Amino acid sequence: MRALAVYCGSSLGSLPAYAAAAAELGRALAARKCTVVYGGSHAGLMGVVADAALGAGGRVIGVIPHSLVGRELAHTGLTQLEVVDSMHSRKARMCELSDAFVALPGGIGTLEEILEMFTWNQLGIHAKPCALLNIDGFYDDFVAFLRRVVEQGLLKRGQFERLLVVDSVAALLAVLEQWPETASGAAACGAALSQAPLPAQ
């Protein structure tokens, strides 16, 4: 796995465990020479992941819409900061750059971003793994909701089971390294998106 897209809160949240996991993930990815791809902010858990990876000698790419550069407090110390024209462009670019996607604790934006990648997986736009880093059971209720969606016949069980839910950084890295599609690289996402563009938001 060459690059991992990390979605997480622009706030730290109420539990210290969230920031601890974000820092652990950043350091672990740096140690594996795996690039962190994220939303480009230095605030909250986003900043924790980026700073931990950079501090451990890792490579970090931030992707941020022009309209959010000031609002989300763009990180100026990254390996690379890409400013794009829209949220859709951000998600498409992060998909192109990444071999897999993970959501740490976060708010509506975090949930929306990982769900869009999970939807693209379902539609065949990419075949890359999507994961929830379920620190202290943060995503328990959401996973329970998805199970109900399956029970109600609105989501296929096979697709639901493709969403990886893990409770530690070590478990996340282990399962991603075993996922067969991660070896295919990021190019497939860009090719599929060019053939089936989604509407800008």
N, C-alpha and C. Protein backbone atom coordinates (compact mmCIF):
# COMPACT_ATOMS: atom_id res chain seq x y z
N MET A 1 0.85 -1.18 0.00
CA MET A 1 0.00 0.00 0.00
C MET A 1 0.89 1.24 0.00
N ARG A 2 0.75 2.03 -1.05
CA ARG A 2 1.63 3.19 -1.20
C ARG A 2 1.07 4.46 -0.58
N ALA A 3 -0.27 4.60 -0.55
CA ALA A 3 -0.87 5.82 -0.03
C ALA A 3 -2.24 5.51 0.55
N LEU A 4 -2.53 6.10 1.69
CA LEU A 4 -3.80 5.89 2.38
C LEU A 4 -4.51 7.23 2.55
N ALA A 5 -5.75 7.31 2.10
CA ALA A 5 -6.56 8.50 2.35
C ALA A 5 -7.15 8.41 3.75
N VAL A 6 -6.95 9.46 4.52
CA VAL A 6 -7.42 9.50 5.91
C VAL A 6 -8.45 10.61 6.05
N TYR A 7 -9.65 10.24 6.46
CA TYR A 7 -10.71 11.20 6.74
C TYR A 7 -10.90 11.27 8.25
N CYS A 8 -10.96 12.48 8.79
CA CYS A 8 -11.16 12.62 10.23
C CYS A 8 -11.58 14.04 10.56
N GLY A 9 -11.88 14.28 11.81
CA GLY A 9 -12.44 15.55 12.23
C GLY A 9 -11.47 16.71 12.18
N SER A 10 -12.01 17.89 11.91
CA SER A 10 -11.21 19.12 12.00
C SER A 10 -11.25 19.66 13.43
N SER A 11 -11.89 18.90 14.33
CA SER A 11 -11.84 19.14 15.77
C SER A 11 -11.20 17.91 16.41
N LEU A 12 -10.78 18.05 17.66
CA LEU A 12 -10.13 16.95 18.34
C LEU A 12 -11.12 15.95 18.93
N GLY A 13 -12.37 16.39 19.16
CA GLY A 13 -13.32 15.50 19.80
C GLY A 13 -13.13 15.49 21.31
N SER A 14 -14.00 14.78 21.99
CA SER A 14 -14.02 14.83 23.45
C SER A 14 -13.15 13.79 24.13
N LEU A 15 -12.71 12.78 23.39
CA LEU A 15 -11.91 11.71 24.01
C LEU A 15 -10.45 11.80 23.55
N PRO A 16 -9.51 11.78 24.49
CA PRO A 16 -8.09 11.80 24.11
C PRO A 16 -7.70 10.62 23.23
N ALA A 17 -8.45 9.53 23.30
CA ALA A 17 -8.13 8.35 22.51
C ALA A 17 -8.18 8.63 21.01
N TYR A 18 -9.01 9.59 20.60
CA TYR A 18 -9.11 9.90 19.17
C TYR A 18 -7.80 10.48 18.65
N ALA A 19 -7.27 11.46 19.38
CA ALA A 19 -6.01 12.08 18.96
C ALA A 19 -4.86 11.09 19.06
N ALA A 20 -4.90 10.24 20.08
CA ALA A 20 -3.84 9.24 20.23
C ALA A 20 -3.82 8.29 19.04
N ALA A 21 -5.00 7.87 18.61
CA ALA A 21 -5.09 6.96 17.46
C ALA A 21 -4.65 7.66 16.18
N ALA A 22 -5.02 8.94 16.03
CA ALA A 22 -4.63 9.70 14.85
C ALA A 22 -3.11 9.82 14.77
N ALA A 23 -2.48 10.12 15.89
CA ALA A 23 -1.02 10.24 15.92
C ALA A 23 -0.36 8.89 15.66
N GLU A 24 -0.91 7.84 16.25
CA GLU A 24 -0.36 6.50 16.03
C GLU A 24 -0.43 6.12 14.55
N LEU A 25 -1.55 6.43 13.92
CA LEU A 25 -1.71 6.11 12.51
C LEU A 25 -0.70 6.88 11.66
N GLY A 26 -0.55 8.17 11.93
CA GLY A 26 0.41 8.97 11.17
C GLY A 26 1.83 8.41 11.28
N ARG A 27 2.24 8.06 12.49
CA ARG A 27 3.59 7.51 12.69
C ARG A 27 3.74 6.15 12.01
N ALA A 28 2.71 5.33 12.13
CA ALA A 28 2.78 3.98 11.55
C ALA A 28 2.88 4.04 10.03
N LEU A 29 2.14 4.95 9.41
CA LEU A 29 2.20 5.08 7.95
C LEU A 29 3.57 5.59 7.52
N ALA A 30 4.12 6.53 8.27
CA ALA A 30 5.46 7.03 7.95
C ALA A 30 6.48 5.91 8.04
N ALA A 31 6.38 5.08 9.07
CA ALA A 31 7.32 3.97 9.24
C ALA A 31 7.24 2.99 8.09
N ARG A 32 6.06 2.87 7.48
CA ARG A 32 5.87 1.95 6.35
C ARG A 32 6.10 2.63 5.00
N LYS A 33 6.53 3.88 5.05
CA LYS A 33 6.73 4.66 3.81
C LYS A 33 5.45 4.73 2.98
N CYS A 34 4.35 4.82 3.68
CA CYS A 34 3.03 4.95 3.06
C CYS A 34 2.60 6.41 3.17
N THR A 35 2.32 7.04 2.06
CA THR A 35 1.93 8.45 2.04
C THR A 35 0.56 8.66 2.68
N VAL A 36 0.45 9.68 3.50
CA VAL A 36 -0.85 10.10 4.04
C VAL A 36 -1.47 11.08 3.05
N VAL A 37 -2.69 10.79 2.63
CA VAL A 37 -3.47 11.70 1.79
C VAL A 37 -4.65 12.14 2.62
N TYR A 38 -4.82 13.45 2.81
CA TYR A 38 -5.91 13.91 3.68
C TYR A 38 -6.38 15.27 3.22
N GLY A 39 -7.27 15.88 4.00
CA GLY A 39 -7.94 17.09 3.58
C GLY A 39 -7.19 18.39 3.67
N GLY A 40 -5.94 18.36 4.13
CA GLY A 40 -5.08 19.53 4.04
C GLY A 40 -5.13 20.53 5.18
N SER A 41 -5.88 20.25 6.25
CA SER A 41 -5.99 21.19 7.36
C SER A 41 -4.96 20.88 8.45
N HIS A 42 -4.59 21.92 9.22
CA HIS A 42 -3.73 21.66 10.38
C HIS A 42 -4.55 21.64 11.67
N ALA A 43 -5.88 21.71 11.57
CA ALA A 43 -6.74 21.74 12.75
C ALA A 43 -7.19 20.34 13.15
N GLY A 44 -7.48 20.18 14.42
CA GLY A 44 -8.13 18.98 14.93
C GLY A 44 -7.37 17.69 14.65
N LEU A 45 -8.12 16.61 14.48
CA LEU A 45 -7.51 15.31 14.23
C LEU A 45 -6.79 15.29 12.89
N MET A 46 -7.26 16.11 11.95
CA MET A 46 -6.58 16.19 10.66
C MET A 46 -5.13 16.64 10.85
N GLY A 47 -4.95 17.67 11.64
CA GLY A 47 -3.61 18.16 11.91
C GLY A 47 -2.76 17.18 12.69
N VAL A 48 -3.38 16.45 13.60
CA VAL A 48 -2.65 15.46 14.39
C VAL A 48 -2.07 14.37 13.50
N VAL A 49 -2.89 13.84 12.59
CA VAL A 49 -2.41 12.81 11.67
C VAL A 49 -1.24 13.33 10.84
N ALA A 50 -1.43 14.50 10.25
CA ALA A 50 -0.40 15.07 9.37
C ALA A 50 0.89 15.34 10.13
N ASP A 51 0.79 15.98 11.28
CA ASP A 51 1.98 16.35 12.03
C ASP A 51 2.73 15.12 12.54
N ALA A 52 1.98 14.08 12.94
CA ALA A 52 2.63 12.86 13.41
C ALA A 52 3.40 12.19 12.29
N ALA A 53 2.79 12.13 11.11
CA ALA A 53 3.47 11.52 9.96
C ALA A 53 4.69 12.33 9.57
N LEU A 54 4.54 13.65 9.48
CA LEU A 54 5.67 14.51 9.12
C LEU A 54 6.80 14.41 10.14
N GLY A 55 6.42 14.39 11.43
CA GLY A 55 7.41 14.30 12.49
C GLY A 55 8.19 13.01 12.47
N ALA A 56 7.59 11.96 11.89
CA ALA A 56 8.26 10.66 11.79
C ALA A 56 8.94 10.50 10.43
N GLY A 57 9.03 11.59 9.67
CA GLY A 57 9.72 11.54 8.39
C GLY A 57 8.88 11.05 7.23
N GLY A 58 7.56 11.06 7.41
CA GLY A 58 6.66 10.56 6.38
C GLY A 58 6.30 11.62 5.35
N ARG A 59 5.61 11.17 4.32
CA ARG A 59 5.15 12.03 3.24
C ARG A 59 3.66 12.28 3.41
N VAL A 60 3.25 13.53 3.32
CA VAL A 60 1.85 13.89 3.53
C VAL A 60 1.38 14.81 2.42
N ILE A 61 0.30 14.43 1.77
CA ILE A 61 -0.31 15.23 0.71
C ILE A 61 -1.67 15.71 1.20
N GLY A 62 -1.89 17.01 1.18
CA GLY A 62 -3.18 17.57 1.53
C GLY A 62 -3.91 18.04 0.28
N VAL A 63 -5.22 17.81 0.25
CA VAL A 63 -6.05 18.25 -0.88
C VAL A 63 -7.21 19.06 -0.30
N ILE A 64 -7.31 20.31 -0.70
CA ILE A 64 -8.30 21.19 -0.08
C ILE A 64 -8.93 22.11 -1.14
N PRO A 65 -10.24 22.30 -1.07
CA PRO A 65 -10.88 23.25 -2.00
C PRO A 65 -10.44 24.67 -1.71
N HIS A 66 -10.37 25.47 -2.76
CA HIS A 66 -9.95 26.87 -2.62
C HIS A 66 -10.82 27.60 -1.60
N SER A 67 -12.13 27.32 -1.60
CA SER A 67 -13.05 28.03 -0.71
C SER A 67 -12.83 27.70 0.76
N LEU A 68 -12.09 26.62 1.05
CA LEU A 68 -11.89 26.21 2.44
C LEU A 68 -10.47 26.45 2.93
N VAL A 69 -9.64 27.04 2.11
CA VAL A 69 -8.24 27.25 2.51
C VAL A 69 -8.17 28.04 3.80
N GLY A 70 -8.93 29.13 3.91
CA GLY A 70 -8.92 29.91 5.13
C GLY A 70 -9.79 29.31 6.22
N ARG A 71 -10.94 28.77 5.83
CA ARG A 71 -11.89 28.24 6.80
C ARG A 71 -11.40 26.99 7.50
N GLU A 72 -10.73 26.11 6.77
CA GLU A 72 -10.23 24.88 7.36
C GLU A 72 -8.76 25.00 7.78
N LEU A 73 -8.20 26.18 7.67
CA LEU A 73 -6.85 26.43 8.13
C LEU A 73 -5.84 25.50 7.45
N ALA A 74 -5.60 25.76 6.19
CA ALA A 74 -4.72 24.91 5.39
C ALA A 74 -3.35 24.77 6.04
N HIS A 75 -2.84 23.56 6.03
CA HIS A 75 -1.53 23.24 6.60
C HIS A 75 -0.46 23.65 5.61
N THR A 76 0.45 24.51 6.04
CA THR A 76 1.47 25.03 5.13
C THR A 76 2.79 24.26 5.21
N GLY A 77 2.85 23.25 6.06
CA GLY A 77 4.12 22.52 6.21
C GLY A 77 4.11 21.13 5.62
N LEU A 78 3.19 20.85 4.72
CA LEU A 78 3.06 19.52 4.15
C LEU A 78 4.10 19.25 3.07
N THR A 79 4.27 17.98 2.75
CA THR A 79 5.10 17.60 1.62
C THR A 79 4.54 18.20 0.34
N GLN A 80 3.20 18.20 0.26
CA GLN A 80 2.53 18.73 -0.93
C GLN A 80 1.12 19.16 -0.54
N LEU A 81 0.72 20.34 -0.94
CA LEU A 81 -0.65 20.83 -0.72
C LEU A 81 -1.25 21.16 -2.07
N GLU A 82 -2.35 20.50 -2.40
CA GLU A 82 -3.04 20.75 -3.66
C GLU A 82 -4.33 21.50 -3.37
N VAL A 83 -4.53 22.62 -4.00
CA VAL A 83 -5.75 23.41 -3.86
C VAL A 83 -6.60 23.17 -5.10
N VAL A 84 -7.81 22.67 -4.89
CA VAL A 84 -8.69 22.30 -6.00
C VAL A 84 -9.92 23.19 -6.00
N ASP A 85 -10.78 23.02 -7.02
CA ASP A 85 -11.87 23.97 -7.20
C ASP A 85 -13.18 23.61 -6.50
N SER A 86 -13.33 22.39 -6.00
CA SER A 86 -14.60 22.00 -5.38
C SER A 86 -14.42 20.81 -4.47
N MET A 87 -15.44 20.50 -3.68
CA MET A 87 -15.42 19.31 -2.83
C MET A 87 -15.38 18.06 -3.68
N HIS A 88 -16.11 18.05 -4.79
CA HIS A 88 -16.06 16.87 -5.66
C HIS A 88 -14.65 16.66 -6.20
N SER A 89 -14.00 17.74 -6.60
CA SER A 89 -12.62 17.63 -7.10
C SER A 89 -11.70 17.11 -6.00
N ARG A 90 -11.93 17.54 -4.78
CA ARG A 90 -11.12 17.05 -3.67
C ARG A 90 -11.25 15.54 -3.52
N LYS A 91 -12.49 15.06 -3.51
CA LYS A 91 -12.71 13.63 -3.31
C LYS A 91 -12.18 12.81 -4.49
N ALA A 92 -12.36 13.33 -5.69
CA ALA A 92 -11.85 12.62 -6.86
C ALA A 92 -10.32 12.57 -6.83
N ARG A 93 -9.70 13.67 -6.47
CA ARG A 93 -8.24 13.71 -6.44
C ARG A 93 -7.69 12.80 -5.33
N MET A 94 -8.33 12.81 -4.18
CA MET A 94 -7.89 11.93 -3.09
C MET A 94 -8.03 10.47 -3.49
N CYS A 95 -9.08 10.17 -4.25
CA CYS A 95 -9.26 8.81 -4.74
C CYS A 95 -8.13 8.43 -5.69
N GLU A 96 -7.77 9.33 -6.57
CA GLU A 96 -6.70 9.07 -7.53
C GLU A 96 -5.36 8.83 -6.82
N LEU A 97 -5.13 9.56 -5.74
CA LEU A 97 -3.84 9.50 -5.06
C LEU A 97 -3.71 8.31 -4.12
N SER A 98 -4.81 7.66 -3.77
CA SER A 98 -4.82 6.71 -2.67
C SER A 98 -5.10 5.28 -3.10
N ASP A 99 -4.58 4.34 -2.32
CA ASP A 99 -4.83 2.91 -2.55
C ASP A 99 -5.92 2.37 -1.63
N ALA A 100 -6.30 3.13 -0.62
CA ALA A 100 -7.32 2.70 0.34
C ALA A 100 -7.81 3.93 1.10
N PHE A 101 -8.92 3.76 1.83
CA PHE A 101 -9.55 4.89 2.53
C PHE A 101 -9.93 4.48 3.94
N VAL A 102 -9.70 5.37 4.89
CA VAL A 102 -10.09 5.09 6.28
C VAL A 102 -10.69 6.33 6.90
N ALA A 103 -11.72 6.12 7.70
CA ALA A 103 -12.31 7.21 8.48
C ALA A 103 -12.03 7.00 9.95
N LEU A 104 -11.38 7.99 10.55
CA LEU A 104 -11.24 8.06 12.00
C LEU A 104 -12.48 8.77 12.54
N PRO A 105 -12.61 8.93 13.85
CA PRO A 105 -13.73 9.72 14.35
C PRO A 105 -13.77 11.11 13.71
N GLY A 106 -14.95 11.56 13.42
CA GLY A 106 -15.14 12.86 12.79
C GLY A 106 -16.61 13.19 12.69
N GLY A 107 -16.91 14.31 12.07
CA GLY A 107 -18.29 14.77 11.97
C GLY A 107 -18.93 14.39 10.64
N ILE A 108 -19.90 15.21 10.22
CA ILE A 108 -20.67 14.92 9.01
C ILE A 108 -19.77 14.86 7.78
N GLY A 109 -18.79 15.76 7.68
CA GLY A 109 -17.90 15.75 6.53
C GLY A 109 -17.11 14.46 6.42
N THR A 110 -16.61 13.98 7.55
CA THR A 110 -15.86 12.72 7.57
C THR A 110 -16.74 11.58 7.10
N LEU A 111 -17.95 11.52 7.64
CA LEU A 111 -18.87 10.44 7.27
C LEU A 111 -19.23 10.52 5.80
N GLU A 112 -19.48 11.73 5.31
CA GLU A 112 -19.85 11.91 3.91
C GLU A 112 -18.73 11.45 2.98
N GLU A 113 -17.48 11.76 3.34
CA GLU A 113 -16.36 11.42 2.48
C GLU A 113 -16.13 9.92 2.40
N ILE A 114 -16.15 9.23 3.54
CA ILE A 114 -15.92 7.78 3.49
C ILE A 114 -17.10 7.08 2.83
N LEU A 115 -18.32 7.60 3.02
CA LEU A 115 -19.47 6.97 2.39
C LEU A 115 -19.46 7.17 0.88
N GLU A 116 -18.97 8.29 0.41
CA GLU A 116 -18.88 8.46 -1.03
C GLU A 116 -17.88 7.47 -1.62
N MET A 117 -16.76 7.26 -0.95
CA MET A 117 -15.80 6.27 -1.44
C MET A 117 -16.40 4.87 -1.39
N PHE A 118 -17.17 4.58 -0.36
CA PHE A 118 -17.83 3.27 -0.24
C PHE A 118 -18.87 3.10 -1.34
N THR A 119 -19.57 4.18 -1.67
CA THR A 119 -20.54 4.15 -2.77
C THR A 119 -19.83 3.93 -4.09
N TRP A 120 -18.71 4.61 -4.32
CA TRP A 120 -17.96 4.43 -5.56
C TRP A 120 -17.47 2.99 -5.68
N ASN A 121 -17.12 2.39 -4.54
CA ASN A 121 -16.73 0.99 -4.54
C ASN A 121 -17.90 0.11 -4.99
N GLN A 122 -19.08 0.41 -4.46
CA GLN A 122 -20.28 -0.35 -4.81
C GLN A 122 -20.61 -0.21 -6.30
N LEU A 123 -20.38 0.97 -6.86
CA LEU A 123 -20.69 1.24 -8.26
C LEU A 123 -19.61 0.75 -9.21
N GLY A 124 -18.50 0.29 -8.67
CA GLY A 124 -17.42 -0.20 -9.52
C GLY A 124 -16.49 0.89 -10.03
N ILE A 125 -16.59 2.09 -9.49
CA ILE A 125 -15.69 3.18 -9.89
C ILE A 125 -14.27 2.87 -9.42
N HIS A 126 -14.15 2.23 -8.28
CA HIS A 126 -12.85 1.73 -7.82
C HIS A 126 -13.08 0.43 -7.05
N ALA A 127 -12.01 -0.29 -6.81
CA ALA A 127 -12.08 -1.55 -6.05
C ALA A 127 -11.20 -1.49 -4.81
N LYS A 128 -11.04 -0.29 -4.27
CA LYS A 128 -10.15 -0.09 -3.14
C LYS A 128 -10.90 -0.25 -1.82
N PRO A 129 -10.22 -0.72 -0.79
CA PRO A 129 -10.89 -0.95 0.50
C PRO A 129 -11.26 0.34 1.21
N CYS A 130 -12.38 0.30 1.91
CA CYS A 130 -12.86 1.39 2.74
C CYS A 130 -12.99 0.88 4.17
N ALA A 131 -12.49 1.65 5.11
CA ALA A 131 -12.45 1.18 6.50
C ALA A 131 -12.90 2.25 7.47
N LEU A 132 -13.43 1.80 8.59
CA LEU A 132 -13.73 2.65 9.73
C LEU A 132 -12.78 2.28 10.86
N LEU A 133 -12.04 3.26 11.38
CA LEU A 133 -11.22 3.03 12.56
C LEU A 133 -12.09 3.36 13.77
N ASN A 134 -12.64 2.33 14.35
CA ASN A 134 -13.72 2.45 15.33
C ASN A 134 -13.16 2.59 16.75
N ILE A 135 -12.52 3.72 16.98
CA ILE A 135 -11.87 3.96 18.28
C ILE A 135 -12.93 4.13 19.36
N ASP A 136 -12.77 3.35 20.43
CA ASP A 136 -13.69 3.40 21.58
C ASP A 136 -15.15 3.26 21.14
N GLY A 137 -15.40 2.48 20.11
CA GLY A 137 -16.77 2.23 19.66
C GLY A 137 -17.45 3.41 19.00
N PHE A 138 -16.64 4.36 18.49
CA PHE A 138 -17.23 5.57 17.91
C PHE A 138 -18.26 5.26 16.83
N TYR A 139 -17.98 4.26 16.01
CA TYR A 139 -18.87 3.95 14.88
C TYR A 139 -19.86 2.81 15.16
N ASP A 140 -19.96 2.37 16.40
CA ASP A 140 -20.85 1.24 16.71
C ASP A 140 -22.29 1.48 16.25
N ASP A 141 -22.83 2.65 16.57
CA ASP A 141 -24.22 2.93 16.22
C ASP A 141 -24.40 3.02 14.70
N PHE A 142 -23.41 3.56 14.02
CA PHE A 142 -23.51 3.67 12.56
C PHE A 142 -23.47 2.28 11.92
N VAL A 143 -22.61 1.42 12.40
CA VAL A 143 -22.54 0.06 11.86
C VAL A 143 -23.86 -0.68 12.14
N ALA A 144 -24.43 -0.45 13.31
CA ALA A 144 -25.72 -1.06 13.62
C ALA A 144 -26.80 -0.56 12.66
N PHE A 145 -26.75 0.72 12.31
CA PHE A 145 -27.69 1.26 11.34
C PHE A 145 -27.52 0.58 9.98
N LEU A 146 -26.29 0.41 9.54
CA LEU A 146 -26.04 -0.24 8.25
C LEU A 146 -26.56 -1.68 8.27
N ARG A 147 -26.42 -2.36 9.40
CA ARG A 147 -26.96 -3.72 9.49
C ARG A 147 -28.47 -3.70 9.31
N ARG A 148 -29.12 -2.68 9.87
CA ARG A 148 -30.56 -2.57 9.69
C ARG A 148 -30.90 -2.31 8.22
N VAL A 149 -30.10 -1.49 7.55
CA VAL A 149 -30.32 -1.23 6.13
C VAL A 149 -30.24 -2.54 5.34
N VAL A 150 -29.29 -3.40 5.70
CA VAL A 150 -29.18 -4.71 5.06
C VAL A 150 -30.43 -5.54 5.33
N GLU A 151 -30.85 -5.55 6.60
CA GLU A 151 -32.03 -6.33 6.98
C GLU A 151 -33.28 -5.86 6.26
N GLN A 152 -33.34 -4.57 5.96
CA GLN A 152 -34.50 -4.00 5.28
C GLN A 152 -34.40 -4.16 3.75
N GLY A 153 -33.37 -4.81 3.28
CA GLY A 153 -33.24 -5.09 1.86
C GLY A 153 -32.79 -3.92 1.01
N LEU A 154 -32.15 -2.93 1.64
CA LEU A 154 -31.72 -1.73 0.92
C LEU A 154 -30.22 -1.68 0.68
N LEU A 155 -29.51 -2.64 1.19
CA LEU A 155 -28.07 -2.76 0.96
C LEU A 155 -27.74 -4.24 0.94
N LYS A 156 -27.01 -4.65 -0.08
CA LYS A 156 -26.65 -6.06 -0.17
C LYS A 156 -25.64 -6.43 0.91
N ARG A 157 -25.85 -7.60 1.50
CA ARG A 157 -24.97 -8.03 2.58
C ARG A 157 -23.51 -8.10 2.13
N GLY A 158 -23.29 -8.58 0.90
CA GLY A 158 -21.92 -8.68 0.41
C GLY A 158 -21.23 -7.34 0.35
N GLN A 159 -21.96 -6.28 -0.03
CA GLN A 159 -21.37 -4.95 -0.07
C GLN A 159 -21.11 -4.44 1.34
N PHE A 160 -22.06 -4.64 2.23
CA PHE A 160 -21.87 -4.23 3.63
C PHE A 160 -20.62 -4.86 4.21
N GLU A 161 -20.39 -6.13 3.90
CA GLU A 161 -19.25 -6.84 4.45
C GLU A 161 -17.93 -6.37 3.87
N ARG A 162 -17.97 -5.58 2.80
CA ARG A 162 -16.74 -5.01 2.24
C ARG A 162 -16.28 -3.78 3.02
N LEU A 163 -17.13 -3.24 3.88
CA LEU A 163 -16.72 -2.13 4.74
C LEU A 163 -15.95 -2.70 5.93
N LEU A 164 -14.69 -2.38 6.02
CA LEU A 164 -13.84 -2.92 7.07
C LEU A 164 -14.02 -2.10 8.35
N VAL A 165 -14.29 -2.76 9.45
CA VAL A 165 -14.47 -2.07 10.73
C VAL A 165 -13.46 -2.66 11.71
N VAL A 166 -12.53 -1.83 12.15
CA VAL A 166 -11.46 -2.27 13.03
C VAL A 166 -11.35 -1.32 14.20
N ASP A 167 -10.79 -1.80 15.30
CA ASP A 167 -10.75 -0.96 16.51
C ASP A 167 -9.35 -0.53 16.92
N SER A 168 -8.37 -0.77 16.06
CA SER A 168 -7.01 -0.34 16.39
C SER A 168 -6.23 -0.07 15.10
N VAL A 169 -5.18 0.72 15.24
CA VAL A 169 -4.32 1.02 14.08
C VAL A 169 -3.65 -0.25 13.58
N ALA A 170 -3.20 -1.09 14.50
CA ALA A 170 -2.53 -2.33 14.10
C ALA A 170 -3.48 -3.22 13.28
N ALA A 171 -4.73 -3.33 13.72
CA ALA A 171 -5.70 -4.15 13.00
C ALA A 171 -6.00 -3.55 11.63
N LEU A 172 -6.08 -2.23 11.56
CA LEU A 172 -6.32 -1.55 10.29
C LEU A 172 -5.22 -1.87 9.28
N LEU A 173 -3.98 -1.69 9.68
CA LEU A 173 -2.86 -1.90 8.76
C LEU A 173 -2.77 -3.37 8.35
N ALA A 174 -3.05 -4.26 9.27
CA ALA A 174 -3.00 -5.68 8.94
C ALA A 174 -4.03 -6.05 7.89
N VAL A 175 -5.25 -5.55 8.05
CA VAL A 175 -6.31 -5.92 7.11
C VAL A 175 -6.11 -5.24 5.76
N LEU A 176 -5.60 -4.02 5.74
CA LEU A 176 -5.36 -3.35 4.47
C LEU A 176 -4.23 -4.00 3.69
N GLU A 177 -3.21 -4.46 4.39
CA GLU A 177 -2.09 -5.10 3.71
C GLU A 177 -2.49 -6.44 3.10
N GLN A 178 -3.56 -7.04 3.60
CA GLN A 178 -4.02 -8.33 3.08
C GLN A 178 -5.07 -8.17 1.98
N TRP A 179 -5.55 -6.95 1.79
CA TRP A 179 -6.62 -6.72 0.81
C TRP A 179 -6.05 -6.82 -0.60
N PRO A 180 -6.55 -7.72 -1.45
CA PRO A 180 -5.91 -7.95 -2.75
C PRO A 180 -5.91 -6.76 -3.69
N GLU A 181 -6.98 -5.94 -3.66
CA GLU A 181 -7.07 -4.86 -4.64
C GLU A 181 -6.11 -3.72 -4.38
N THR A 182 -5.56 -3.61 -3.18
CA THR A 182 -4.68 -2.48 -2.91
C THR A 182 -3.43 -2.51 -3.78
N ALA A 183 -3.07 -3.69 -4.25
CA ALA A 183 -1.88 -3.80 -5.08
C ALA A 183 -2.09 -3.23 -6.48
N SER A 184 -3.36 -2.96 -6.85
CA SER A 184 -3.63 -2.49 -8.20
C SER A 184 -3.25 -1.03 -8.39
N GLY A 185 -3.02 -0.30 -7.29
CA GLY A 185 -2.59 1.09 -7.39
C GLY A 185 -3.74 2.06 -7.59
N ALA A 186 -3.40 3.35 -7.64
CA ALA A 186 -4.41 4.40 -7.68
C ALA A 186 -4.89 4.72 -9.09
N ALA A 187 -4.18 4.28 -10.11
CA ALA A 187 -4.54 4.70 -11.47
C ALA A 187 -5.93 4.27 -11.88
N ALA A 188 -6.38 3.11 -11.40
CA ALA A 188 -7.69 2.61 -11.80
C ALA A 188 -8.81 3.57 -11.43
N CYS A 189 -8.66 4.24 -10.32
CA CYS A 189 -9.69 5.18 -9.88
C CYS A 189 -9.79 6.34 -10.86
N GLY A 190 -8.66 6.90 -11.23
CA GLY A 190 -8.68 8.01 -12.17
C GLY A 190 -9.26 7.61 -13.51
N ALA A 191 -8.94 6.41 -13.96
CA ALA A 191 -9.45 5.94 -15.25
C ALA A 191 -10.96 5.77 -15.20
N ALA A 192 -11.46 5.16 -14.12
CA ALA A 192 -12.90 4.94 -13.99
C ALA A 192 -13.65 6.25 -13.87
N LEU A 193 -13.07 7.20 -13.14
CA LEU A 193 -13.72 8.50 -12.97
C LEU A 193 -13.78 9.26 -14.29
N SER A 194 -12.76 9.12 -15.09
CA SER A 194 -12.76 9.82 -16.38
C SER A 194 -13.82 9.25 -17.31
N GLN A 195 -14.13 7.96 -17.13
CA GLN A 195 -15.13 7.32 -17.99
C GLN A 195 -16.56 7.58 -17.48
N ALA A 196 -16.66 7.76 -16.16
CA ALA A 196 -18.00 7.95 -15.57
C ALA A 196 -17.97 9.10 -14.58
N PRO A 197 -17.82 10.33 -15.06
CA PRO A 197 -17.70 11.48 -14.16
C PRO A 197 -18.96 11.70 -13.36
N LEU A 198 -18.78 12.10 -12.12
CA LEU A 198 -19.90 12.40 -11.25
C LEU A 198 -20.14 13.91 -11.24
N PRO A 199 -21.34 14.35 -10.97
CA PRO A 199 -21.61 15.79 -10.99
C PRO A 199 -20.88 16.52 -9.87
N ALA A 200 -20.39 17.70 -10.17
CA ALA A 200 -19.75 18.51 -9.15
C ALA A 200 -20.78 18.95 -8.13
N GLN A 201 -20.30 19.14 -6.87
CA GLN A 201 -21.19 19.55 -5.80
C GLN A 201 -21.16 21.06 -5.66
